[in-house]
Protein backbone atom coordinates (compact mmCIF):
# COMPACT_ATOMS: atom_id res chain seq x y z
CA MET A 1 -17.20 38.12 -35.67
CA ALA A 2 -13.81 36.40 -35.63
CA PRO A 3 -11.54 36.65 -38.60
CA PRO A 4 -11.45 33.87 -41.27
CA ILE A 5 -9.04 31.05 -41.03
CA PRO A 6 -6.70 30.71 -43.95
CA THR A 7 -6.45 27.27 -45.42
CA LEU A 8 -3.86 25.04 -47.34
CA ALA A 9 -6.50 24.50 -50.14
CA ARG A 10 -4.63 26.62 -52.76
CA GLU A 11 -1.19 24.84 -51.57
CA SER A 12 -2.74 21.46 -51.90
CA ALA A 13 -4.00 21.80 -55.31
CA ALA A 14 -0.37 23.12 -56.24
CA TRP A 15 1.07 20.06 -54.53
CA ALA A 16 -1.23 17.66 -55.95
CA ALA A 17 0.17 18.84 -59.53
CA ASP A 18 3.64 18.60 -58.28
CA ARG A 19 4.16 22.26 -57.96
CA LEU A 20 5.07 24.69 -55.04
CA LEU A 21 2.86 27.82 -54.37
CA ILE A 22 4.56 31.07 -54.11
CA GLY A 23 2.36 33.46 -52.25
CA ILE A 24 2.57 37.31 -52.40
CA ASP A 25 1.29 40.02 -50.27
CA GLU A 26 2.24 43.71 -49.33
CA ALA A 27 2.22 46.12 -46.79
CA GLY A 28 2.21 49.77 -46.51
CA ARG A 29 0.18 51.18 -49.65
CA GLY A 30 -1.55 53.87 -47.36
CA PRO A 31 1.00 55.46 -45.29
CA LEU A 32 2.07 59.14 -45.57
CA ALA A 33 5.78 58.00 -45.10
CA GLY A 34 8.08 55.00 -45.68
CA PRO A 35 8.40 52.40 -48.36
CA VAL A 36 5.76 50.02 -49.52
CA VAL A 37 6.97 46.32 -48.59
CA ALA A 38 6.11 43.19 -50.30
CA ALA A 39 6.85 39.45 -49.36
CA ALA A 40 7.00 36.19 -51.35
CA VAL A 41 6.81 32.85 -49.57
CA VAL A 42 6.94 29.14 -50.33
CA PHE A 43 6.13 26.45 -47.87
CA PRO A 44 7.39 22.82 -48.33
CA ARG A 45 4.98 20.36 -49.38
CA ASP A 46 2.45 19.43 -46.25
CA VAL A 47 3.66 22.00 -44.05
CA ALA A 48 1.86 22.04 -40.77
CA MET A 49 0.01 25.27 -40.21
CA LEU A 50 1.03 27.34 -37.56
CA ALA A 51 -1.96 28.45 -35.26
CA GLY A 52 -3.12 31.94 -35.26
CA VAL A 53 -1.77 32.99 -38.91
CA ARG A 54 -4.40 35.33 -40.20
CA ASP A 55 -4.63 38.40 -42.19
CA SER A 56 -2.07 40.62 -40.68
CA LYS A 57 -4.34 43.49 -40.36
CA THR A 58 -6.48 41.70 -37.95
CA LEU A 59 -3.37 40.81 -35.46
CA SER A 60 -1.83 42.70 -32.88
CA ALA A 61 1.80 43.86 -33.40
CA SER A 62 2.90 41.71 -30.45
CA ARG A 63 1.04 38.49 -32.20
CA ARG A 64 2.70 39.45 -35.76
CA ASP A 65 6.01 39.91 -34.03
CA ARG A 66 5.71 36.13 -32.23
CA LEU A 67 4.66 34.67 -35.65
CA ALA A 68 6.97 35.97 -37.94
CA PRO A 69 9.95 34.23 -36.89
CA ALA A 70 8.30 30.93 -36.69
CA LEU A 71 6.85 31.36 -40.25
CA ARG A 72 10.52 32.40 -41.70
CA THR A 73 11.73 28.91 -39.87
CA THR A 74 8.93 26.86 -41.48
CA ALA A 75 9.03 28.47 -44.65
CA LEU A 76 10.90 26.51 -47.79
CA LEU A 77 11.65 30.04 -49.17
CA TRP A 78 10.79 33.62 -48.42
CA ALA A 79 12.16 36.95 -49.70
CA LEU A 80 11.11 40.68 -49.26
CA GLY A 81 11.03 43.56 -51.86
CA ALA A 82 10.48 47.12 -51.19
CA ALA A 83 9.77 50.40 -53.19
CA SER A 84 10.90 53.68 -51.72
CA CYS A 85 9.13 56.72 -51.37
CA ARG A 86 11.00 58.27 -53.89
CA GLU A 87 9.77 55.56 -56.35
CA ILE A 88 6.39 56.06 -54.95
CA ASP A 89 6.27 59.62 -55.88
CA SER A 90 7.79 59.06 -59.33
CA LEU A 91 5.72 55.76 -60.31
CA ASN A 92 2.59 56.20 -58.18
CA ILE A 93 1.69 53.89 -55.34
CA ARG A 94 0.09 51.09 -57.35
CA VAL A 95 2.90 50.66 -59.72
CA ALA A 96 5.65 50.98 -56.79
CA THR A 97 3.77 48.40 -55.09
CA ILE A 98 3.85 45.99 -58.04
CA LEU A 99 7.55 46.90 -58.29
CA ALA A 100 8.06 45.63 -54.40
CA MET A 101 6.19 42.43 -55.09
CA ARG A 102 8.20 41.87 -58.59
CA ARG A 103 11.37 42.32 -56.74
CA ALA A 104 10.28 39.81 -53.70
CA LEU A 105 8.96 37.18 -56.46
CA GLU A 106 12.31 37.42 -58.46
CA ARG A 107 14.29 36.73 -55.49
CA VAL A 108 12.38 33.62 -54.70
CA LEU A 109 12.35 32.66 -58.29
CA SER A 110 16.01 32.84 -58.47
CA ARG A 111 16.38 30.55 -55.84
CA LEU A 112 13.96 28.03 -56.88
CA GLY A 113 15.64 27.40 -60.26
CA ALA A 114 13.70 25.19 -62.31
CA THR A 115 11.33 24.09 -59.71
CA PRO A 116 7.79 24.13 -61.20
CA CYS A 117 5.74 26.51 -59.10
CA GLU A 118 2.68 28.59 -59.20
CA VAL A 119 2.39 32.14 -57.96
CA LEU A 120 -0.87 33.41 -56.06
CA VAL A 121 -1.17 37.30 -55.49
CA ASP A 122 -3.43 38.92 -52.87
CA GLY A 123 -5.93 41.10 -54.50
CA LEU A 124 -6.24 41.47 -58.47
CA PRO A 125 -4.11 40.39 -61.23
CA VAL A 126 -1.04 42.47 -62.04
CA VAL A 127 0.22 42.33 -65.67
CA GLU A 128 3.21 44.35 -64.83
CA LEU A 129 4.35 41.61 -62.27
CA GLY A 130 6.23 39.80 -65.09
CA HIS A 131 5.35 36.40 -64.31
CA SER A 132 2.16 34.29 -64.91
CA HIS A 133 0.29 34.08 -62.02
CA GLN A 134 -3.51 33.80 -60.52
CA ALA A 135 -4.85 36.44 -58.04
CA LEU A 136 -7.23 35.91 -54.90
CA VAL A 137 -9.31 38.75 -53.73
CA GLY A 138 -8.98 38.64 -49.95
CA GLY A 139 -6.16 36.18 -50.21
CA ASP A 140 -4.74 36.98 -46.99
CA ALA A 141 -7.82 36.06 -45.20
CA HIS A 142 -8.07 32.58 -47.21
CA CYS A 143 -4.81 31.60 -48.11
CA TYR A 144 -2.11 30.65 -45.49
CA THR A 145 0.94 31.42 -47.63
CA ILE A 146 -0.50 34.57 -48.56
CA ALA A 147 -1.30 35.34 -44.95
CA ALA A 148 2.17 34.66 -44.11
CA ALA A 149 3.51 36.76 -46.68
CA GLY A 150 1.47 39.69 -45.37
CA ILE A 151 2.59 39.07 -41.88
CA LEU A 152 6.39 38.96 -42.90
CA ALA A 153 5.81 42.18 -44.80
CA LYS A 154 4.06 43.91 -42.13
CA THR A 155 6.62 43.06 -39.48
CA LEU A 156 9.62 44.14 -41.78
CA ARG A 157 7.93 47.37 -42.63
CA ASP A 158 6.97 48.27 -38.99
CA ASP A 159 10.59 47.48 -37.94
CA LEU A 160 11.73 49.81 -40.55
CA MET A 161 9.57 52.42 -39.36
CA GLN A 162 10.33 52.28 -35.51
CA ARG A 163 13.87 52.30 -36.77
CA LEU A 164 13.23 55.52 -38.63
CA ALA A 165 11.13 57.03 -35.62
CA ARG A 166 14.33 57.40 -33.83
CA ARG A 167 15.73 59.48 -36.24
CA TYR A 168 12.60 61.52 -36.96
CA PRO A 169 11.01 61.38 -33.49
CA PRO A 170 8.37 64.31 -34.01
CA TYR A 171 6.38 62.15 -36.47
CA GLY A 172 5.75 59.38 -33.90
CA TRP A 173 6.32 56.63 -36.40
CA ASP A 174 6.98 54.26 -33.74
CA ARG A 175 3.28 54.05 -32.98
CA ASN A 176 1.75 55.16 -36.45
CA MET A 177 3.93 53.52 -38.83
CA GLY A 178 3.84 56.50 -40.93
CA TYR A 179 -0.03 56.42 -41.24
CA GLY A 180 -1.90 60.09 -41.03
CA THR A 181 -2.68 60.20 -37.27
CA ALA A 182 -3.36 63.36 -35.56
CA ARG A 183 0.09 63.40 -34.02
CA HIS A 184 1.63 62.94 -37.50
CA LEU A 185 -0.27 65.54 -39.06
CA ALA A 186 0.39 67.86 -36.39
CA ALA A 187 4.09 67.42 -36.93
CA LEU A 188 3.67 67.64 -40.78
CA THR A 189 2.18 71.09 -40.03
CA GLU A 190 4.96 72.45 -37.49
CA VAL A 191 8.01 70.82 -38.86
CA GLY A 192 7.17 69.87 -42.50
CA PRO A 193 7.88 66.76 -44.27
CA CYS A 194 11.19 64.98 -44.25
CA ALA A 195 13.03 62.74 -46.70
CA HIS A 196 10.90 59.71 -46.16
CA HIS A 197 7.63 61.35 -46.58
CA ARG A 198 5.60 60.55 -49.88
CA ARG A 199 5.34 64.08 -51.54
CA SER A 200 2.64 62.92 -53.94
CA PHE A 201 0.51 62.05 -51.07
CA ALA A 202 -2.22 64.51 -49.65
CA PRO A 203 -1.62 66.17 -47.24
CA VAL A 204 2.04 66.05 -47.48
CA SER A 205 1.84 67.65 -51.32
CA GLN A 206 -0.29 70.38 -49.93
CA LEU A 207 2.03 71.11 -47.07
CA THR A 208 4.91 71.06 -49.46
CA LEU A 209 3.45 73.56 -51.79
CA LEU A 210 2.66 75.82 -48.99
CA ARG A 211 6.23 75.93 -48.09
């Protein structure tokens, strides 16, 4: 079954109320290494949808890489936020993810100034976001702006992990992006974790205790 095609229904409702819609999504909650990254995106009124924009998890890396520059060009504003592995370990992944989202949102809001806007977050409501918002479960599959935010967050995080892979080749981050693949787990057992591993995540925490 083909993945759902996101629409501009939420955006159109905001535009009808003379507001802009800020869509927020994140990438990298589950990996054993690297930061969690969030993106906040705003499109201009009556933007033309780019063909192929979907939930980033349903797209190939090459497709995301082709879409990301076009999304950045057509967006009115976009910004990224991240939380480091140290912040993930000290705060927990949920709070760190919200921190990354808040950083992205604040960067967009600072540039929008007094422009009326609505904020739509993928998933469930997050009180700690620090701004009034609505939430949409499965938003990256149904809302164009959230889908765009997911693609931008994912492509930036993947690029960062590929850069880190050149410094830490045993873990294979250029292919697994920090997820717990067989190669990554084998390298953790052989050489142990590095500074970019999330030491609060199993099995990294278990290996750390054994060393």
